[in-house]
Amino acid sequence: MFQSPVNYQFFLFKAILDK
């Protein structure tokens, strides 16, 4: 799991934009 919750949100956001 990610240590920082912000990193997790950023990853999800990037995935949505990448979609």
N, C-alpha and C. Protein backbone atom coordinates (compact mmCIF):
# COMPACT_ATOMS: atom_id res chain seq x y z
N MET A 1 0.85 -1.21 0.00
CA MET A 1 0.00 0.00 0.00
C MET A 1 0.87 1.25 0.00
N PHE A 2 0.30 2.34 -0.45
CA PHE A 2 1.06 3.59 -0.48
C PHE A 2 1.18 4.18 0.91
N GLN A 3 2.36 4.69 1.23
CA GLN A 3 2.56 5.30 2.54
C GLN A 3 1.79 6.61 2.65
N SER A 4 1.75 7.37 1.56
CA SER A 4 1.06 8.67 1.61
C SER A 4 -0.28 8.58 0.86
N PRO A 5 -1.35 8.99 1.51
CA PRO A 5 -2.67 8.94 0.87
C PRO A 5 -2.74 9.88 -0.34
N VAL A 6 -1.97 10.96 -0.28
CA VAL A 6 -1.98 11.90 -1.40
C VAL A 6 -1.44 11.21 -2.66
N ASN A 7 -0.42 10.40 -2.48
CA ASN A 7 0.17 9.70 -3.63
C ASN A 7 -0.88 8.79 -4.27
N TYR A 8 -1.70 8.16 -3.44
CA TYR A 8 -2.74 7.26 -3.95
C TYR A 8 -3.76 8.04 -4.78
N GLN A 9 -4.17 9.21 -4.26
CA GLN A 9 -5.15 10.03 -5.00
C GLN A 9 -4.54 10.49 -6.31
N PHE A 10 -3.27 10.90 -6.27
CA PHE A 10 -2.59 11.36 -7.47
C PHE A 10 -2.53 10.25 -8.52
N PHE A 11 -2.27 9.03 -8.06
CA PHE A 11 -2.19 7.89 -8.98
C PHE A 11 -3.54 7.66 -9.66
N LEU A 12 -4.62 7.74 -8.87
CA LEU A 12 -5.95 7.54 -9.43
C LEU A 12 -6.27 8.64 -10.44
N PHE A 13 -5.94 9.88 -10.07
CA PHE A 13 -6.21 11.01 -10.96
C PHE A 13 -5.44 10.85 -12.27
N LYS A 14 -4.19 10.44 -12.15
CA LYS A 14 -3.37 10.26 -13.35
C LYS A 14 -3.95 9.14 -14.22
N ALA A 15 -4.45 8.10 -13.59
CA ALA A 15 -5.04 6.99 -14.34
C ALA A 15 -6.27 7.46 -15.11
N ILE A 16 -7.07 8.31 -14.46
CA ILE A 16 -8.27 8.82 -15.13
C ILE A 16 -7.89 9.68 -16.33
N LEU A 17 -6.88 10.52 -16.14
CA LEU A 17 -6.45 11.39 -17.25
C LEU A 17 -5.82 10.55 -18.36
N ASP A 18 -5.12 9.51 -17.97
CA ASP A 18 -4.45 8.65 -18.95
C ASP A 18 -5.48 7.85 -19.75
N LYS A 19 -6.62 7.58 -19.14
CA LYS A 19 -7.65 6.76 -19.78
C LYS A 19 -8.00 7.31 -21.16
